[in-house]
Amino acid sequence: MPTAPGQKIPVILDTDIGDDIDDTWALGFLLRSPELDLKLVVGDHGKTLYRAKLLAKFLETAGRSDVPVGIGLDVNRHGDGLQAAWVADYNLNKYPGKIHPDGVRALIETIMRSPGQVTVIAIGPLPNIKAALALEPRIAEKARFVGMHGSVRRGYGGSKDPAAEYNVKEDVAACRDALSAKWPVVITPLDTCGLVHLKGDNYRRVRESRSPVAKAIVENYKVWSDANARSGQNMPFETQSTTLFDTVAVYLAFSERWLQMEELGIRVDEKGFTIPDPSAKKMRAALDWTDREAFERFLSDRVAGD
């Protein structure tokens, strides 16, 4: 880890919150992780005001309006997403904290002004990161990158066939730039993050928790599930979470305890596949679990904790 024992790790969260619900779980997990010091959140992959409103309302609900919110690049103009009902009446201008209209510039300045290394936790496609590296390449000297990206030996749902993972294939060029930049890179590909769910007592603890963070997650999950149901997709809201891909990236920002890590070169091809290649830049990849059940209990306890 980049800090001495007992010191908090300064982090920036770059997220496409509001598409899949796992980003919302990841933000809640981050806020409940005392190892991490959240300096900035930035919405990525378009839907700029929608994502900013989700981030701001969640932070305010959690009592963390000290965290600035950055508005990301407007690169994906498809309107709002499935959690829009949760922020329908939220006025972004009344967020008690700081709103940065230029989230990319805020990301750069947060890194460059930091006295120590900053960890960029990226859990979506990466146009913001590509733009930041182009504007100020020196951020790679002062940061490390921890991402939920790729599929190395396994695909979705533990399939033996690797897949072109969403966060990569949505912007292949941006992912290439991020993974090849001159910063340390750690990733959780589908090999590990694609297996994480909360079920049984682990899920019940979160559903029944009175913690503001847990309640905000559950409210958003219900809104998201209902929106999916209206389009004919039934989600398991009553009994379990969906796949919580992005929570593993948050965990990797401060621990690798229950993961089997490998260092290997990874190349991103034109279709968005992440292919082991000895000639490519080396990174640390979480390619298997040593104890996934322990992580899921830990995740549940953190999010549900009062």
Protein backbone atom coordinates (compact mmCIF):
# COMPACT_ATOMS: atom_id res chain seq x y z
CA MET A 1 0.00 0.00 0.00
CA PRO A 2 1.22 3.53 -0.73
CA THR A 3 1.00 4.88 2.83
CA ALA A 4 2.41 3.91 6.18
CA PRO A 5 0.34 1.64 8.44
CA GLY A 6 -2.42 3.58 10.15
CA GLN A 7 -2.47 6.36 7.57
CA LYS A 8 -5.47 6.81 5.33
CA ILE A 9 -5.00 6.34 1.59
CA PRO A 10 -6.09 9.42 -0.40
CA VAL A 11 -8.39 8.31 -3.22
CA ILE A 12 -10.39 9.70 -6.14
CA LEU A 13 -13.41 7.75 -7.38
CA ASP A 14 -14.10 7.89 -11.14
CA THR A 15 -17.43 6.18 -11.78
CA ASP A 16 -20.27 5.64 -14.23
CA ILE A 17 -22.71 5.52 -11.31
CA GLY A 18 -26.34 5.21 -12.31
CA ASP A 19 -25.99 2.58 -15.03
CA ASP A 20 -25.40 -0.73 -13.23
CA ILE A 21 -26.25 -0.58 -9.52
CA ASP A 22 -22.85 -1.93 -8.45
CA ASP A 23 -21.28 1.55 -8.61
CA THR A 24 -23.70 2.67 -5.90
CA TRP A 25 -22.70 -0.26 -3.69
CA ALA A 26 -19.04 0.56 -4.35
CA LEU A 27 -19.47 4.19 -3.31
CA GLY A 28 -21.19 3.10 -0.11
CA PHE A 29 -18.43 0.57 0.62
CA LEU A 30 -15.80 3.25 0.02
CA LEU A 31 -17.49 5.65 2.44
CA ARG A 32 -17.59 2.88 5.06
CA SER A 33 -13.88 2.03 4.66
CA PRO A 34 -11.78 3.92 7.23
CA GLU A 35 -8.60 3.01 5.38
CA LEU A 36 -9.56 5.40 2.57
CA ASP A 37 -9.69 9.20 2.46
CA LEU A 38 -12.04 10.21 -0.35
CA LYS A 39 -10.82 13.46 -1.93
CA LEU A 40 -13.05 13.70 -5.00
CA VAL A 41 -15.76 11.83 -6.90
CA VAL A 42 -16.21 12.30 -10.64
CA GLY A 43 -18.91 10.93 -12.92
CA ASP A 44 -17.55 9.34 -16.09
CA HIS A 45 -18.91 8.22 -19.46
CA GLY A 46 -21.44 10.98 -20.02
CA LYS A 47 -24.91 11.47 -18.46
CA THR A 48 -23.11 14.26 -16.66
CA LEU A 49 -25.78 15.98 -14.56
CA TYR A 50 -27.52 12.69 -13.77
CA ARG A 51 -24.33 11.15 -12.41
CA ALA A 52 -23.37 14.32 -10.53
CA LYS A 53 -26.78 14.45 -8.87
CA LEU A 54 -26.54 10.80 -7.82
CA LEU A 55 -23.09 11.35 -6.35
CA ALA A 56 -24.06 14.55 -4.57
CA LYS A 57 -27.30 13.25 -3.07
CA PHE A 58 -25.64 10.02 -1.93
CA LEU A 59 -22.79 11.93 -0.29
CA GLU A 60 -25.16 14.38 1.36
CA THR A 61 -27.37 11.53 2.60
CA ALA A 62 -24.30 9.83 4.05
CA GLY A 63 -23.20 13.02 5.83
CA ARG A 64 -20.17 13.39 3.55
CA SER A 65 -20.81 16.61 1.67
CA ASP A 66 -17.21 17.51 2.50
CA VAL A 67 -16.34 15.45 -0.61
CA PRO A 68 -16.26 17.52 -3.84
CA VAL A 69 -18.19 16.29 -6.88
CA GLY A 70 -16.74 16.64 -10.38
CA ILE A 71 -18.84 16.74 -13.55
CA GLY A 72 -17.26 14.52 -16.16
CA LEU A 73 -17.03 14.72 -19.94
CA ASP A 74 -20.30 14.67 -21.86
CA VAL A 75 -19.34 11.84 -24.19
CA ASN A 76 -22.30 9.48 -23.96
CA ARG A 77 -25.54 11.34 -24.59
CA HIS A 78 -28.23 8.81 -23.84
CA GLY A 79 -30.28 10.76 -21.29
CA ASP A 80 -30.58 9.67 -17.69
CA GLY A 81 -30.33 6.16 -16.29
CA LEU A 82 -32.35 3.74 -14.19
CA GLN A 83 -31.84 5.56 -10.87
CA ALA A 84 -33.25 8.84 -12.13
CA ALA A 85 -36.29 8.63 -9.84
CA TRP A 86 -34.03 8.81 -6.77
CA VAL A 87 -32.71 12.23 -7.82
CA ALA A 88 -35.76 13.55 -9.65
CA ASP A 89 -36.29 16.36 -7.13
CA TYR A 90 -32.64 16.87 -6.14
CA ASN A 91 -31.20 20.34 -6.80
CA LEU A 92 -27.52 20.00 -7.54
CA ASN A 93 -26.99 23.72 -6.90
CA LYS A 94 -27.96 23.19 -3.27
CA TYR A 95 -25.31 20.53 -2.58
CA PRO A 96 -23.55 21.77 0.59
CA GLY A 97 -20.14 20.82 -0.77
CA LYS A 98 -18.12 21.83 -3.81
CA ILE A 99 -19.28 21.08 -7.36
CA HIS A 100 -16.55 21.20 -10.02
CA PRO A 101 -18.03 21.90 -13.49
CA ASP A 102 -14.78 20.55 -15.01
CA GLY A 103 -14.30 17.19 -13.35
CA VAL A 104 -11.24 16.32 -15.43
CA ARG A 105 -9.44 19.47 -14.32
CA ALA A 106 -10.50 18.81 -10.71
CA LEU A 107 -9.04 15.31 -10.93
CA ILE A 108 -5.74 16.66 -12.25
CA GLU A 109 -5.52 19.37 -9.60
CA THR A 110 -6.38 17.00 -6.76
CA ILE A 111 -3.55 14.69 -7.79
CA MET A 112 -0.97 17.39 -8.51
CA ARG A 113 -1.63 19.24 -5.23
CA SER A 114 -1.46 16.12 -3.08
CA PRO A 115 1.67 15.84 -0.91
CA GLY A 116 1.67 12.07 -1.45
CA GLN A 117 0.51 9.45 -3.90
CA VAL A 118 -3.19 9.43 -4.77
CA THR A 119 -5.07 6.25 -5.70
CA VAL A 120 -7.48 6.65 -8.60
CA ILE A 121 -10.24 4.07 -8.24
CA ALA A 122 -11.88 3.75 -11.65
CA ILE A 123 -15.05 1.69 -11.99
CA GLY A 124 -16.41 2.59 -15.40
CA PRO A 125 -15.29 3.42 -18.93
CA LEU A 126 -12.39 5.85 -18.90
CA PRO A 127 -12.81 8.95 -21.11
CA ASN A 128 -12.13 11.23 -18.11
CA ILE A 129 -8.90 9.41 -17.34
CA LYS A 130 -7.78 9.53 -20.98
CA ALA A 131 -8.43 13.28 -21.09
CA ALA A 132 -6.64 13.90 -17.79
CA LEU A 133 -3.55 11.99 -18.90
CA ALA A 134 -3.50 13.94 -22.19
CA LEU A 135 -3.80 17.31 -20.43
CA GLU A 136 -1.31 16.54 -17.66
CA PRO A 137 0.79 13.38 -18.14
CA ARG A 138 2.58 14.05 -14.82
CA ILE A 139 -0.44 12.78 -12.89
CA ALA A 140 0.88 9.28 -13.61
CA GLU A 141 3.98 10.12 -11.54
CA LYS A 142 1.87 11.07 -8.52
CA ALA A 143 -0.89 8.46 -8.62
CA ARG A 144 -1.66 4.81 -9.00
CA PHE A 145 -4.59 3.31 -10.87
CA VAL A 146 -6.93 0.69 -9.41
CA GLY A 147 -9.62 -0.39 -11.84
CA MET A 148 -12.51 -2.76 -12.46
CA HIS A 149 -11.54 -3.65 -16.00
CA GLY A 150 -11.03 -6.64 -18.22
CA SER A 151 -11.44 -10.38 -18.45
CA VAL A 152 -8.28 -12.46 -18.48
CA ARG A 153 -9.04 -16.16 -18.01
CA ARG A 154 -12.73 -16.07 -17.14
CA GLY A 155 -15.70 -14.13 -18.41
CA TYR A 156 -19.06 -13.09 -17.03
CA GLY A 157 -20.51 -15.39 -14.37
CA GLY A 158 -17.31 -17.42 -14.15
CA SER A 159 -17.45 -18.54 -17.78
CA LYS A 160 -14.29 -20.24 -19.03
CA ASP A 161 -14.42 -17.98 -22.09
CA PRO A 162 -12.97 -14.48 -21.53
CA ALA A 163 -15.21 -11.63 -22.65
CA ALA A 164 -14.84 -8.11 -23.95
CA GLU A 165 -15.71 -6.54 -20.59
CA TYR A 166 -18.05 -3.53 -20.66
CA ASN A 167 -15.77 -0.92 -19.06
CA VAL A 168 -13.10 -1.73 -21.63
CA LYS A 169 -15.10 -2.19 -24.83
CA GLU A 170 -17.13 1.01 -24.28
CA ASP A 171 -13.97 3.06 -24.83
CA VAL A 172 -11.07 0.88 -25.93
CA ALA A 173 -8.73 3.79 -26.64
CA ALA A 174 -9.29 5.30 -23.20
CA CYS A 175 -8.68 1.99 -21.46
CA ARG A 176 -5.47 1.49 -23.43
CA ASP A 177 -4.22 4.91 -22.35
CA ALA A 178 -5.08 4.29 -18.70
CA LEU A 179 -3.55 0.82 -18.47
CA SER A 180 -0.38 1.81 -20.35
CA ALA A 181 0.29 5.06 -18.48
CA LYS A 182 3.39 5.34 -16.31
CA TRP A 183 1.63 4.68 -13.01
CA PRO A 184 1.29 1.45 -11.05
CA VAL A 185 -1.81 -0.42 -12.24
CA VAL A 186 -3.94 -2.88 -10.26
CA ILE A 187 -7.09 -4.39 -11.76
CA THR A 188 -9.89 -6.71 -10.80
CA PRO A 189 -11.10 -8.31 -14.04
CA LEU A 190 -14.23 -10.44 -14.34
CA ASP A 191 -12.14 -13.39 -13.16
CA THR A 192 -12.73 -12.21 -9.59
CA CYS A 193 -15.17 -9.28 -9.45
CA GLY A 194 -17.67 -11.10 -11.64
CA LEU A 195 -18.35 -13.63 -8.88
CA VAL A 196 -19.32 -11.34 -5.99
CA HIS A 197 -22.91 -11.32 -4.67
CA LEU A 198 -24.51 -10.75 -1.30
CA LYS A 199 -27.06 -13.43 -0.41
CA GLY A 200 -28.71 -14.82 2.70
CA ASP A 201 -27.62 -13.21 5.96
CA ASN A 202 -25.08 -11.04 4.15
CA TYR A 203 -27.81 -9.39 2.11
CA ARG A 204 -30.35 -9.35 4.95
CA ARG A 205 -27.96 -7.36 7.16
CA VAL A 206 -27.77 -4.63 4.54
CA ARG A 207 -31.53 -4.66 3.82
CA GLU A 208 -32.33 -4.30 7.54
CA SER A 209 -29.58 -1.84 8.42
CA ARG A 210 -30.45 1.62 9.70
CA SER A 211 -27.12 3.04 8.50
CA PRO A 212 -27.67 6.03 6.16
CA VAL A 213 -25.25 4.48 3.67
CA ALA A 214 -27.01 1.11 3.65
CA LYS A 215 -30.43 2.74 3.41
CA ALA A 216 -29.32 4.86 0.45
CA ILE A 217 -27.96 1.78 -1.31
CA VAL A 218 -31.18 -0.17 -0.74
CA GLU A 219 -33.35 2.75 -1.90
CA ASN A 220 -31.33 3.03 -5.09
CA TYR A 221 -31.36 -0.71 -5.66
CA LYS A 222 -35.17 -0.72 -5.36
CA VAL A 223 -35.53 2.22 -7.79
CA TRP A 224 -33.11 0.56 -10.22
CA SER A 225 -34.87 -2.82 -9.92
CA ASP A 226 -38.29 -1.29 -10.50
CA ALA A 227 -37.01 0.54 -13.58
CA ASN A 228 -35.61 -2.72 -14.94
CA ALA A 229 -38.89 -4.50 -14.23
CA ARG A 230 -40.79 -1.96 -16.32
CA SER A 231 -38.63 -2.96 -19.27
CA GLY A 232 -39.23 -6.67 -18.65
CA GLN A 233 -36.08 -7.49 -16.68
CA ASN A 234 -36.72 -8.90 -13.22
CA MET A 235 -33.99 -8.28 -10.66
CA PRO A 236 -33.46 -10.24 -7.41
CA PHE A 237 -34.04 -7.25 -5.10
CA GLU A 238 -36.02 -9.18 -2.49
CA THR A 239 -33.45 -11.93 -1.96
CA GLN A 240 -29.95 -10.84 -2.98
CA SER A 241 -27.76 -8.28 -4.67
CA THR A 242 -26.82 -8.33 -8.31
CA THR A 243 -23.14 -8.89 -9.17
CA LEU A 244 -21.11 -6.33 -7.22
CA PHE A 245 -18.19 -5.99 -9.64
CA ASP A 246 -17.00 -2.55 -8.55
CA THR A 247 -16.75 -3.27 -4.83
CA VAL A 248 -13.64 -5.35 -5.49
CA ALA A 249 -11.80 -2.38 -6.98
CA VAL A 250 -12.55 -0.38 -3.84
CA TYR A 251 -11.21 -3.25 -1.74
CA LEU A 252 -8.01 -3.45 -3.81
CA ALA A 253 -7.31 0.18 -3.00
CA PHE A 254 -6.42 -0.88 0.55
CA SER A 255 -6.09 -4.69 0.70
CA GLU A 256 -5.40 -7.83 -1.32
CA ARG A 257 -5.93 -10.22 1.59
CA TRP A 258 -8.51 -12.59 0.05
CA LEU A 259 -7.34 -12.33 -3.55
CA GLN A 260 -4.75 -14.18 -5.56
CA MET A 261 -2.71 -11.57 -7.39
CA GLU A 262 -0.51 -12.07 -10.45
CA GLU A 263 1.79 -9.65 -12.22
CA LEU A 264 1.54 -9.91 -15.97
CA GLY A 265 1.54 -7.88 -19.15
CA ILE A 266 -1.92 -7.16 -20.55
CA ARG A 267 -2.75 -5.88 -24.02
CA VAL A 268 -6.13 -4.37 -24.98
CA ASP A 269 -7.16 -5.40 -28.48
CA GLU A 270 -9.46 -3.55 -30.90
CA LYS A 271 -12.55 -5.42 -29.68
CA GLY A 272 -11.95 -4.70 -26.00
CA PHE A 273 -10.46 -8.03 -24.98
CA THR A 274 -7.69 -7.88 -22.37
CA ILE A 275 -5.08 -10.37 -23.48
CA PRO A 276 -2.02 -11.57 -21.52
CA ASP A 277 1.04 -10.44 -23.46
CA PRO A 278 4.61 -10.57 -22.07
CA SER A 279 5.55 -7.56 -24.23
CA ALA A 280 2.77 -5.36 -22.80
CA LYS A 281 2.95 -3.18 -19.69
CA LYS A 282 2.92 -5.27 -16.53
CA MET A 283 0.21 -4.78 -13.93
CA ARG A 284 -1.11 -6.56 -10.87
CA ALA A 285 -4.30 -8.46 -11.60
CA ALA A 286 -6.64 -10.21 -9.17
CA LEU A 287 -7.19 -13.47 -11.04
CA ASP A 288 -8.66 -15.69 -8.33
CA TRP A 289 -10.05 -15.67 -4.82
CA THR A 290 -8.41 -17.28 -1.83
CA ASP A 291 -11.59 -16.65 0.22
CA ARG A 292 -14.46 -14.97 -1.59
CA GLU A 293 -16.94 -15.81 1.18
CA ALA A 294 -14.78 -13.91 3.67
CA PHE A 295 -14.80 -10.87 1.39
CA GLU A 296 -18.57 -11.00 1.00
CA ARG A 297 -19.05 -11.15 4.78
CA PHE A 298 -16.62 -8.26 5.16
CA LEU A 299 -18.44 -6.22 2.51
CA SER A 300 -21.79 -6.86 4.18
CA ASP A 301 -20.47 -5.92 7.62
CA ARG A 302 -18.89 -2.72 6.34
CA VAL A 303 -21.95 -1.51 4.42
CA ALA A 304 -24.49 -2.53 7.09
CA GLY A 305 -22.51 -1.28 10.07
CA ASP A 306 -24.28 1.33 12.21
